[in-house]
C-alpha atoms as a PDB file:
ATOM      1  CA  MET A   1      -0.031   0.207   0.053  1.00  0.00           C
ATOM      2  CA  PRO A   2       1.063   3.604  -0.636  1.00  0.00           C
ATOM      3  CA  THR A   3       2.763   5.037   2.382  1.00  0.00           C
ATOM      4  CA  GLY A   4       3.692   8.611   1.008  1.00  0.00           C
ATOM      5  CA  SER A   5       7.297   7.803   1.839  1.00  0.00           C
ATOM      6  CA  LEU A   6       8.750   9.911  -1.070  1.00  0.00           C
ATOM      7  CA  THR A   7       6.631  13.037  -0.346  1.00  0.00           C
ATOM      8  CA  GLY A   8       8.867  16.118  -0.958  1.00  0.00           C
ATOM      9  CA  GLN A   9      11.062  14.445  -3.598  1.00  0.00           C
ATOM     10  CA  VAL A  10      11.154  14.827  -7.540  1.00  0.00           C
ATOM     11  CA  ALA A  11      11.587  12.183  -9.968  1.00  0.00           C
ATOM     12  CA  LEU A  12      12.428  12.502 -13.648  1.00  0.00           C
ATOM     13  CA  VAL A  13      11.202   9.485 -15.773  1.00  0.00           C
ATOM     14  CA  THR A  14      12.150   8.854 -19.320  1.00  0.00           C
ATOM     15  CA  GLY A  15       9.780   6.914 -21.738  1.00  0.00           C
ATOM     16  CA  ALA A  16       6.948   7.670 -19.212  1.00  0.00           C
ATOM     17  CA  GLY A  17       3.957   7.734 -21.626  1.00  0.00           C
ATOM     18  CA  ARG A  18       3.642   3.929 -21.900  1.00  0.00           C
ATOM     19  CA  GLY A  19       4.822   0.574 -20.605  1.00  0.00           C
ATOM     20  CA  ILE A  20       7.012   0.170 -17.615  1.00  0.00           C
ATOM     21  CA  GLY A  21       8.028   3.802 -17.639  1.00  0.00           C
ATOM     22  CA  ARG A  22       4.204   4.967 -17.354  1.00  0.00           C
ATOM     23  CA  GLU A  23       3.754   2.489 -14.468  1.00  0.00           C
ATOM     24  CA  ILE A  24       7.096   3.515 -12.510  1.00  0.00           C
ATOM     25  CA  ALA A  25       5.878   7.235 -12.808  1.00  0.00           C
ATOM     26  CA  ILE A  26       2.482   6.422 -11.402  1.00  0.00           C
ATOM     27  CA  GLY A  27       4.041   4.096  -8.580  1.00  0.00           C
ATOM     28  CA  LEU A  28       6.284   7.117  -7.673  1.00  0.00           C
ATOM     29  CA  ALA A  29       3.572   9.456  -7.681  1.00  0.00           C
ATOM     30  CA  ALA A  30       1.605   7.336  -5.520  1.00  0.00           C
ATOM     31  CA  GLU A  31       4.208   7.489  -3.034  1.00  0.00           C
ATOM     32  CA  GLY A  32       4.031  11.391  -2.953  1.00  0.00           C
ATOM     33  CA  MET A  33       6.812  11.933  -5.258  1.00  0.00           C
ATOM     34  CA  ALA A  34       6.360  14.931  -7.763  1.00  0.00           C
ATOM     35  CA  VAL A  35       7.147  13.463 -11.335  1.00  0.00           C
ATOM     36  CA  GLY A  36       8.503  14.819 -14.544  1.00  0.00           C
ATOM     37  CA  LEU A  37       7.468  12.663 -17.322  1.00  0.00           C
ATOM     38  CA  VAL A  38       9.411  12.960 -20.427  1.00  0.00           C
ATOM     39  CA  GLY A  39       8.698  11.210 -23.779  1.00  0.00           C
ATOM     40  CA  ARG A  40       8.304  11.523 -27.496  1.00  0.00           C
ATOM     41  CA  THR A  41       4.500  11.637 -27.624  1.00  0.00           C
ATOM     42  CA  HIS A  42       2.415  14.218 -25.849  1.00  0.00           C
ATOM     43  CA  GLU A  43      -0.988  12.384 -25.705  1.00  0.00           C
ATOM     44  CA  THR A  44       0.435   9.394 -23.864  1.00  0.00           C
ATOM     45  CA  LEU A  45       2.481  11.548 -21.460  1.00  0.00           C
ATOM     46  CA  THR A  46      -0.630  13.433 -20.774  1.00  0.00           C
ATOM     47  CA  ASP A  47      -2.638  10.299 -19.882  1.00  0.00           C
ATOM     48  CA  THR A  48       0.188   9.372 -17.474  1.00  0.00           C
ATOM     49  CA  LEU A  49       0.260  12.659 -16.016  1.00  0.00           C
ATOM     50  CA  LYS A  50      -3.696  12.423 -15.221  1.00  0.00           C
ATOM     51  CA  GLU A  51      -3.125   9.109 -13.389  1.00  0.00           C
ATOM     52  CA  CYS A  52      -0.259  10.695 -11.460  1.00  0.00           C
ATOM     53  CA  VAL A  53      -2.295  13.573 -10.543  1.00  0.00           C
ATOM     54  CA  ARG A  54      -5.240  11.484  -9.308  1.00  0.00           C
ATOM     55  CA  HIS A  55      -2.797  10.149  -6.555  1.00  0.00           C
ATOM     56  CA  GLY A  56      -2.549  13.818  -5.595  1.00  0.00           C
ATOM     57  CA  ALA A  57       1.190  14.358  -6.874  1.00  0.00           C
ATOM     58  CA  ARG A  58       2.428  17.171  -8.774  1.00  0.00           C
ATOM     59  CA  GLY A  59       3.640  16.632 -12.148  1.00  0.00           C
ATOM     60  CA  VAL A  60       4.655  17.931 -15.688  1.00  0.00           C
ATOM     61  CA  ALA A  61       4.675  16.155 -18.958  1.00  0.00           C
ATOM     62  CA  VAL A  62       7.573  17.303 -21.453  1.00  0.00           C
ATOM     63  CA  THR A  63       7.845  15.833 -24.890  1.00  0.00           C
ATOM     64  CA  ALA A  64      11.547  15.320 -25.830  1.00  0.00           C
ATOM     65  CA  ASP A  65      13.834  13.226 -28.032  1.00  0.00           C
ATOM     66  CA  VAL A  66      16.351  11.893 -25.461  1.00  0.00           C
ATOM     67  CA  THR A  67      18.936  11.474 -28.324  1.00  0.00           C
ATOM     68  CA  ARG A  68      19.113  15.246 -28.743  1.00  0.00           C
ATOM     69  CA  PRO A  69      21.122  17.172 -26.165  1.00  0.00           C
ATOM     70  CA  GLY A  70      19.297  20.415 -26.617  1.00  0.00           C
ATOM     71  CA  SER A  71      15.825  18.766 -26.314  1.00  0.00           C
ATOM     72  CA  VAL A  72      16.945  17.118 -23.189  1.00  0.00           C
ATOM     73  CA  ARG A  73      18.543  20.149 -21.551  1.00  0.00           C
ATOM     74  CA  GLU A  74      15.092  21.967 -22.071  1.00  0.00           C
ATOM     75  CA  ALA A  75      13.151  19.229 -20.685  1.00  0.00           C
ATOM     76  CA  VAL A  76      15.350  18.964 -17.572  1.00  0.00           C
ATOM     77  CA  ARG A  77      15.041  22.905 -17.302  1.00  0.00           C
ATOM     78  CA  LEU A  78      11.239  22.676 -17.355  1.00  0.00           C
ATOM     79  CA  VAL A  79      10.915  19.849 -14.823  1.00  0.00           C
ATOM     80  CA  GLU A  80      13.236  21.499 -12.349  1.00  0.00           C
ATOM     81  CA  ARG A  81      11.484  24.879 -12.968  1.00  0.00           C
ATOM     82  CA  ASP A  82       8.072  23.379 -12.317  1.00  0.00           C
ATOM     83  CA  LEU A  83       8.870  20.761  -9.630  1.00  0.00           C
ATOM     84  CA  GLY A  84      12.269  21.431  -8.085  1.00  0.00           C
ATOM     85  CA  PRO A  85      15.683  19.748  -8.344  1.00  0.00           C
ATOM     86  CA  VAL A  86      15.584  16.071  -9.442  1.00  0.00           C
ATOM     87  CA  ASP A  87      16.068  13.726  -6.793  1.00  0.00           C
ATOM     88  CA  LEU A  88      15.774  10.561  -9.019  1.00  0.00           C
ATOM     89  CA  LEU A  89      16.407  10.039 -12.469  1.00  0.00           C
ATOM     90  CA  VAL A  90      14.972   6.916 -14.183  1.00  0.00           C
ATOM     91  CA  ASN A  91      16.569   6.227 -17.574  1.00  0.00           C
ATOM     92  CA  ASN A  92      13.741   3.923 -18.997  1.00  0.00           C
ATOM     93  CA  ALA A  93      13.177   5.025 -22.564  1.00  0.00           C
ATOM     94  CA  GLY A  94      14.566   2.332 -24.821  1.00  0.00           C
ATOM     95  CA  TRP A  95      14.357   0.819 -28.301  1.00  0.00           C
ATOM     96  CA  ILE A  96      14.844  -2.714 -29.608  1.00  0.00           C
ATOM     97  CA  ASP A  97      16.078  -4.129 -32.842  1.00  0.00           C
ATOM     98  CA  ARG A  98      13.189  -3.995 -35.331  1.00  0.00           C
ATOM     99  CA  ALA A  99      14.020  -7.575 -36.772  1.00  0.00           C
ATOM    100  CA  GLU A 100      15.518 -10.652 -35.249  1.00  0.00           C
ATOM    101  CA  VAL A 101      18.313 -10.983 -37.684  1.00  0.00           C
ATOM    102  CA  PRO A 102      22.078 -11.333 -37.534  1.00  0.00           C
ATOM    103  CA  LEU A 103      24.169  -8.165 -37.781  1.00  0.00           C
ATOM    104  CA  TRP A 104      24.807  -8.365 -41.490  1.00  0.00           C
ATOM    105  CA  GLU A 105      21.162  -8.402 -42.189  1.00  0.00           C
ATOM    106  CA  THR A 106      20.250  -5.460 -40.125  1.00  0.00           C
ATOM    107  CA  ASP A 107      18.920  -2.115 -41.238  1.00  0.00           C
ATOM    108  CA  VAL A 108      21.984   0.372 -40.761  1.00  0.00           C
ATOM    109  CA  THR A 109      19.910   3.303 -39.647  1.00  0.00           C
ATOM    110  CA  GLN A 110      17.621   1.573 -37.422  1.00  0.00           C
ATOM    111  CA  TRP A 111      20.583  -0.270 -35.814  1.00  0.00           C
ATOM    112  CA  TRP A 112      22.398   2.719 -34.869  1.00  0.00           C
ATOM    113  CA  GLN A 113      18.902   4.570 -33.669  1.00  0.00           C
ATOM    114  CA  VAL A 114      18.634   1.839 -31.010  1.00  0.00           C
ATOM    115  CA  VAL A 115      22.170   2.380 -29.789  1.00  0.00           C
ATOM    116  CA  GLU A 116      21.580   6.069 -29.655  1.00  0.00           C
ATOM    117  CA  VAL A 117      18.197   5.811 -27.678  1.00  0.00           C
ATOM    118  CA  ASN A 118      19.680   3.310 -25.351  1.00  0.00           C
ATOM    119  CA  LEU A 119      23.115   4.733 -24.727  1.00  0.00           C
ATOM    120  CA  ARG A 120      23.048   8.317 -25.847  1.00  0.00           C
ATOM    121  CA  GLY A 121      19.756   9.062 -24.190  1.00  0.00           C
ATOM    122  CA  PRO A 122      20.867   7.990 -20.806  1.00  0.00           C
ATOM    123  CA  TYR A 123      24.155  10.040 -21.361  1.00  0.00           C
ATOM    124  CA  ASN A 124      22.298  13.080 -22.248  1.00  0.00           C
ATOM    125  CA  LEU A 125      20.320  12.948 -19.178  1.00  0.00           C
ATOM    126  CA  LEU A 126      22.980  12.292 -16.903  1.00  0.00           C
ATOM    127  CA  ARG A 127      25.002  15.103 -18.243  1.00  0.00           C
ATOM    128  CA  CYS A 128      22.132  17.377 -17.428  1.00  0.00           C
ATOM    129  CA  VAL A 129      20.870  16.012 -14.112  1.00  0.00           C
ATOM    130  CA  LEU A 130      24.136  14.899 -12.506  1.00  0.00           C
ATOM    131  CA  PRO A 131      25.833  18.472 -11.927  1.00  0.00           C
ATOM    132  CA  GLY A 132      22.774  19.553  -9.688  1.00  0.00           C
ATOM    133  CA  MET A 133      23.083  16.236  -7.768  1.00  0.00           C
ATOM    134  CA  VAL A 134      26.738  16.515  -7.417  1.00  0.00           C
ATOM    135  CA  ARG A 135      26.301  20.062  -6.237  1.00  0.00           C
ATOM    136  CA  ARG A 136      23.687  19.002  -3.879  1.00  0.00           C
ATOM    137  CA  ARG A 137      25.459  16.141  -2.692  1.00  0.00           C
ATOM    138  CA  ARG A 138      22.422  13.925  -3.061  1.00  0.00           C
ATOM    139  CA  GLY A 139      20.622  11.912  -5.680  1.00  0.00           C
ATOM    140  CA  ARG A 140      19.867   8.530  -7.235  1.00  0.00           C
ATOM    141  CA  VAL A 141      19.988   7.277 -10.735  1.00  0.00           C
ATOM    142  CA  VAL A 142      18.171   4.112 -11.914  1.00  0.00           C
ATOM    143  CA  ASN A 143      19.356   2.769 -15.620  1.00  0.00           C
ATOM    144  CA  LEU A 144      16.661   0.424 -16.725  1.00  0.00           C
ATOM    145  CA  ASN A 145      18.847  -2.346 -18.191  1.00  0.00           C
ATOM    146  CA  SER A 146      18.473  -5.835 -19.532  1.00  0.00           C
ATOM    147  CA  GLY A 147      19.910  -9.443 -18.913  1.00  0.00           C
ATOM    148  CA  PHE A 148      21.028  -8.849 -22.623  1.00  0.00           C
ATOM    149  CA  ALA A 149      23.698  -6.647 -21.175  1.00  0.00           C
ATOM    150  CA  LEU A 150      25.495  -9.792 -19.757  1.00  0.00           C
ATOM    151  CA  ARG A 151      25.029 -12.299 -22.308  1.00  0.00           C
ATOM    152  CA  PRO A 152      25.681 -12.502 -26.068  1.00  0.00           C
ATOM    153  CA  ASP A 153      22.567 -12.309 -28.475  1.00  0.00           C
ATOM    154  CA  GLY A 154      23.259 -12.595 -32.145  1.00  0.00           C
ATOM    155  CA  HIS A 155      19.854 -11.664 -33.043  1.00  0.00           C
ATOM    156  CA  TYR A 156      19.511  -8.252 -31.004  1.00  0.00           C
ATOM    157  CA  THR A 157      23.012  -7.077 -31.489  1.00  0.00           C
ATOM    158  CA  ALA A 158      22.070  -3.288 -31.237  1.00  0.00           C
ATOM    159  CA  TYR A 159      20.028  -3.588 -28.179  1.00  0.00           C
ATOM    160  CA  ALA A 160      22.570  -6.136 -26.351  1.00  0.00           C
ATOM    161  CA  THR A 161      25.414  -3.907 -27.335  1.00  0.00           C
ATOM    162  CA  SER A 162      23.807  -0.771 -26.154  1.00  0.00           C
ATOM    163  CA  LYS A 163      22.634  -2.252 -22.882  1.00  0.00           C
ATOM    164  CA  GLY A 164      26.321  -3.622 -22.297  1.00  0.00           C
ATOM    165  CA  ALA A 165      27.590  -0.207 -22.819  1.00  0.00           C
ATOM    166  CA  LEU A 166      25.087   1.175 -20.390  1.00  0.00           C
ATOM    167  CA  LEU A 167      26.078  -1.090 -17.580  1.00  0.00           C
ATOM    168  CA  LYS A 168      29.789  -0.146 -18.382  1.00  0.00           C
ATOM    169  CA  LEU A 169      29.025   3.563 -18.366  1.00  0.00           C
ATOM    170  CA  SER A 170      27.384   3.029 -14.800  1.00  0.00           C
ATOM    171  CA  ASP A 171      30.415   0.992 -13.615  1.00  0.00           C
ATOM    172  CA  ASN A 172      32.803   3.903 -14.892  1.00  0.00           C
ATOM    173  CA  LEU A 173      30.530   6.634 -12.970  1.00  0.00           C
ATOM    174  CA  ALA A 174      30.191   4.752  -9.751  1.00  0.00           C
ATOM    175  CA  ASP A 175      33.362   5.901  -8.070  1.00  0.00           C
ATOM    176  CA  SER A 176      33.287   9.459  -8.933  1.00  0.00           C
ATOM    177  CA  LEU A 177      29.692   9.561  -7.895  1.00  0.00           C
ATOM    178  CA  ALA A 178      30.203   7.807  -4.592  1.00  0.00           C
ATOM    179  CA  GLU A 179      32.619  10.938  -3.727  1.00  0.00           C
ATOM    180  CA  HIS A 180      29.423  13.192  -3.980  1.00  0.00           C
ATOM    181  CA  GLN A 181      26.987  10.847  -2.317  1.00  0.00           C
ATOM    182  CA  VAL A 182      25.064  10.094  -5.548  1.00  0.00           C
ATOM    183  CA  VAL A 183      23.938   6.593  -6.093  1.00  0.00           C
ATOM    184  CA  ILE A 184      23.647   4.797  -9.578  1.00  0.00           C
ATOM    185  CA  LEU A 185      22.034   1.507 -10.016  1.00  0.00           C
ATOM    186  CA  ASP A 186      21.269  -0.536 -13.204  1.00  0.00           C
ATOM    187  CA  ILE A 187      18.064  -2.807 -12.809  1.00  0.00           C
ATOM    188  CA  SER A 188      16.679  -5.307 -15.176  1.00  0.00           C
ATOM    189  CA  PRO A 189      13.028  -5.824 -14.961  1.00  0.00           C
ATOM    190  CA  GLY A 190      13.156  -9.368 -16.620  1.00  0.00           C
ATOM    191  CA  ALA A 191      10.690 -10.323 -19.313  1.00  0.00           C
ATOM    192  CA  VAL A 192       7.754  -8.248 -18.777  1.00  0.00           C
ATOM    193  CA  ALA A 193       4.710  -7.797 -21.105  1.00  0.00           C
ATOM    194  CA  THR A 194       4.739  -4.329 -22.836  1.00  0.00           C
ATOM    195  CA  ASP A 195       4.253  -3.273 -26.429  1.00  0.00           C
ATOM    196  CA  MET A 196       7.995  -3.725 -26.983  1.00  0.00           C
ATOM    197  CA  THR A 197       8.456  -7.223 -25.796  1.00  0.00           C
ATOM    198  CA  ALA A 198       4.928  -8.234 -27.455  1.00  0.00           C
ATOM    199  CA  GLY A 199       6.521  -7.587 -30.803  1.00  0.00           C
ATOM    200  CA  MET A 200       9.882  -9.797 -30.246  1.00  0.00           C
ATOM    201  CA  PRO A 201       9.650 -13.053 -31.855  1.00  0.00           C
ATOM    202  CA  MET A 202      11.719 -14.522 -29.115  1.00  0.00           C
ATOM    203  CA  PHE A 203       8.735 -14.066 -26.776  1.00  0.00           C
ATOM    204  CA  ARG A 204       6.026 -15.052 -29.114  1.00  0.00           C
ATOM    205  CA  ASP A 205       5.357 -18.221 -27.117  1.00  0.00           C
ATOM    206  CA  THR A 206       5.980 -16.717 -23.649  1.00  0.00           C
ATOM    207  CA  LYS A 207       3.059 -17.619 -21.394  1.00  0.00           C
ATOM    208  CA  THR A 208       4.614 -16.474 -17.945  1.00  0.00           C
ATOM    209  CA  TRP A 209       5.632 -12.926 -17.638  1.00  0.00           C
ATOM    210  CA  GLY A 210       7.542 -10.982 -15.001  1.00  0.00           C
ATOM    211  CA  SER A 211       5.566  -8.682 -12.682  1.00  0.00           C
ATOM    212  CA  ILE A 212       5.498  -4.919 -13.762  1.00  0.00           C
ATOM    213  CA  PRO A 213       3.884  -3.988 -10.277  1.00  0.00           C
ATOM    214  CA  TYR A 214       6.791  -6.048  -8.689  1.00  0.00           C
ATOM    215  CA  MET A 215       9.468  -3.845 -10.873  1.00  0.00           C
ATOM    216  CA  VAL A 216       7.475  -0.739  -9.818  1.00  0.00           C
ATOM    217  CA  ALA A 217       8.027  -1.819  -6.191  1.00  0.00           C
ATOM    218  CA  VAL A 218      11.723  -2.353  -6.804  1.00  0.00           C
ATOM    219  CA  ILE A 219      12.111   1.236  -8.127  1.00  0.00           C
ATOM    220  CA  VAL A 220      10.072   2.841  -5.364  1.00  0.00           C
ATOM    221  CA  ASP A 221      12.325   0.909  -2.993  1.00  0.00           C
ATOM    222  CA  ALA A 222      15.453   2.134  -4.881  1.00  0.00           C
ATOM    223  CA  ALA A 223      14.174   5.734  -4.522  1.00  0.00           C
ATOM    224  CA  ARG A 224      13.672   5.227  -0.651  1.00  0.00           C
ATOM    225  CA  GLY A 225      17.376   4.133  -0.432  1.00  0.00           C
ATOM    226  CA  ARG A 226      16.900   0.238  -0.056  1.00  0.00           C
ATOM    227  CA  PHE A 227      19.796  -0.590  -2.578  1.00  0.00           C
ATOM    228  CA  ASP A 228      22.266   2.386  -1.875  1.00  0.00           C
ATOM    229  CA  ALA A 229      24.702  -0.057  -0.447  1.00  0.00           C
ATOM    230  CA  LEU A 230      24.839  -1.731  -3.929  1.00  0.00           C
ATOM    231  CA  HIS A 231      25.783   1.349  -5.487  1.00  0.00           C
ATOM    232  CA  GLY A 232      27.253   0.936  -9.068  1.00  0.00           C
ATOM    233  CA  ARG A 233      25.787  -2.600  -9.247  1.00  0.00           C
ATOM    234  CA  PHE A 234      23.404  -4.586 -11.522  1.00  0.00           C
ATOM    235  CA  LEU A 235      20.288  -6.006 -10.213  1.00  0.00           C
ATOM    236  CA  HIS A 236      17.938  -8.331 -12.106  1.00  0.00           C
ATOM    237  CA  ALA A 237      14.717  -7.806 -10.417  1.00  0.00           C
ATOM    238  CA  GLY A 238      13.169 -10.678 -12.306  1.00  0.00           C
ATOM    239  CA  ARG A 239      15.507 -13.201 -11.097  1.00  0.00           C
ATOM    240  CA  ASP A 240      17.640 -11.842  -8.085  1.00  0.00           C
ATOM    241  CA  ASP A 241      16.610 -12.293  -4.348  1.00  0.00           C
ATOM    242  CA  LEU A 242      17.042  -8.825  -3.714  1.00  0.00           C
ATOM    243  CA  GLU A 243      16.972  -9.368   0.053  1.00  0.00           C
ATOM    244  CA  GLU A 244      19.824 -11.511  -0.229  1.00  0.00           C
ATOM    245  CA  LEU A 245      21.781  -9.096  -2.283  1.00  0.00           C
ATOM    246  CA  VAL A 246      21.180  -6.322   0.261  1.00  0.00           C
ATOM    247  CA  ARG A 247      22.305  -8.622   3.169  1.00  0.00           C
ATOM    248  CA  ARG A 248      25.569  -9.406   1.112  1.00  0.00           C
ATOM    249  CA  ALA A 249      26.291  -6.058  -0.089  1.00  0.00           C
ATOM    250  CA  GLU A 250      29.497  -5.688   1.813  1.00  0.00           C
ATOM    251  CA  GLU A 251      30.623  -9.122   0.508  1.00  0.00           C
ATOM    252  CA  ILE A 252      29.622  -8.131  -3.085  1.00  0.00           C
ATOM    253  CA  ARG A 253      31.413  -4.776  -2.968  1.00  0.00           C
ATOM    254  CA  ALA A 254      34.679  -6.403  -1.573  1.00  0.00           C
ATOM    255  CA  ALA A 255      34.590  -8.999  -4.586  1.00  0.00           C
ATOM    256  CA  ASP A 256      33.763  -6.131  -6.867  1.00  0.00           C
ATOM    257  CA  ALA A 257      30.962  -8.396  -8.200  1.00  0.00           C
ATOM    258  CA  ARG A 258      27.884  -7.564  -9.976  1.00  0.00           C
ATOM    259  CA  THR A 259      29.693  -5.097 -12.518  1.00  0.00           C
ATOM    260  CA  LEU A 260      30.598  -5.754 -16.137  1.00  0.00           C
ATOM    261  CA  ARG A 261      34.252  -7.221 -16.374  1.00  0.00           C
ATOM    262  CA  LEU A 262      36.537  -8.675 -18.972  1.00  0.00           C
ATOM    263  CA  ARG A 263      36.537 -12.437 -18.661  1.00  0.00           C
ATOM    264  CA  PRO A 264      39.993 -14.009 -18.397  1.00  0.00           C
ATOM    265  CA  TYR A 265      41.295 -15.931 -21.390  1.00  0.00           C
ATOM    266  CA  GLY A 266      42.958 -18.556 -19.309  1.00  0.00           C
ATOM    267  CA  PRO A 267      45.059 -19.158 -16.400  1.00  0.00           C
ATOM    268  CA  ASP A 268      48.016 -17.436 -17.907  1.00  0.00           C
ATOM    269  CA  ASP A 269      46.084 -14.445 -18.991  1.00  0.00           C
ATOM    270  CA  PRO A 270      47.621 -11.246 -17.498  1.00  0.00           C
ATOM    271  CA  MET A 271      44.220  -9.749 -17.244  1.00  0.00           C
ATOM    272  CA  ALA A 272      43.237 -12.635 -14.943  1.00  0.00           C
END
């Protein structure tokens, strides 16, 4: 049940017009958070905003293309003007390869668009939001990632490559952000039923999907600080025992686990 535990805080959620992004925004609003909704389609953003307002939350809907730095700068400016400084950034906007084909059969333009949305988009948001968080010495970032970041997939090469790069970006940021009390996490929802996954051939026969409400609860907990001890790490909400990960956070940090690392070639590999 909603507790209002996030009242007084501000979230910025990209891809908030539909799917997981919409549900995350509504879930945060139900906890009292003011929500800045960013996406490409005004109508769907407005629908999400209406749901957030029904929970008594303040909100603003801003259309923007996350791949364009100027568009993102203006969106962040409007959100902070109307709601205040961003406490939580949720990088949710994402695209998938249009066809399940090997790289040499992909559409060149669409392949690169996927990488731009999934990697350049989060970069643009981070570049605009982090200076304020660093200056205030507080803030949290959640990047919606995927199990594709950690396993090869020859048929969704743009998506898998971009998600792996996003995970590495978070890893590269983690130490410098820790100095300023800013937390970054990559969280995978697993396979949940959305417009995007419904169009993926690999999920055509899937009968059991992950729970979107559970993923929303995980993001709400992240906003509360439940996973701060796992700063810079990858969490798979669809598979992990998150309570166990929190309990073992010190051990995970000591082992430098839950990050993207080169795999040693063999026992004599100098990188081992």
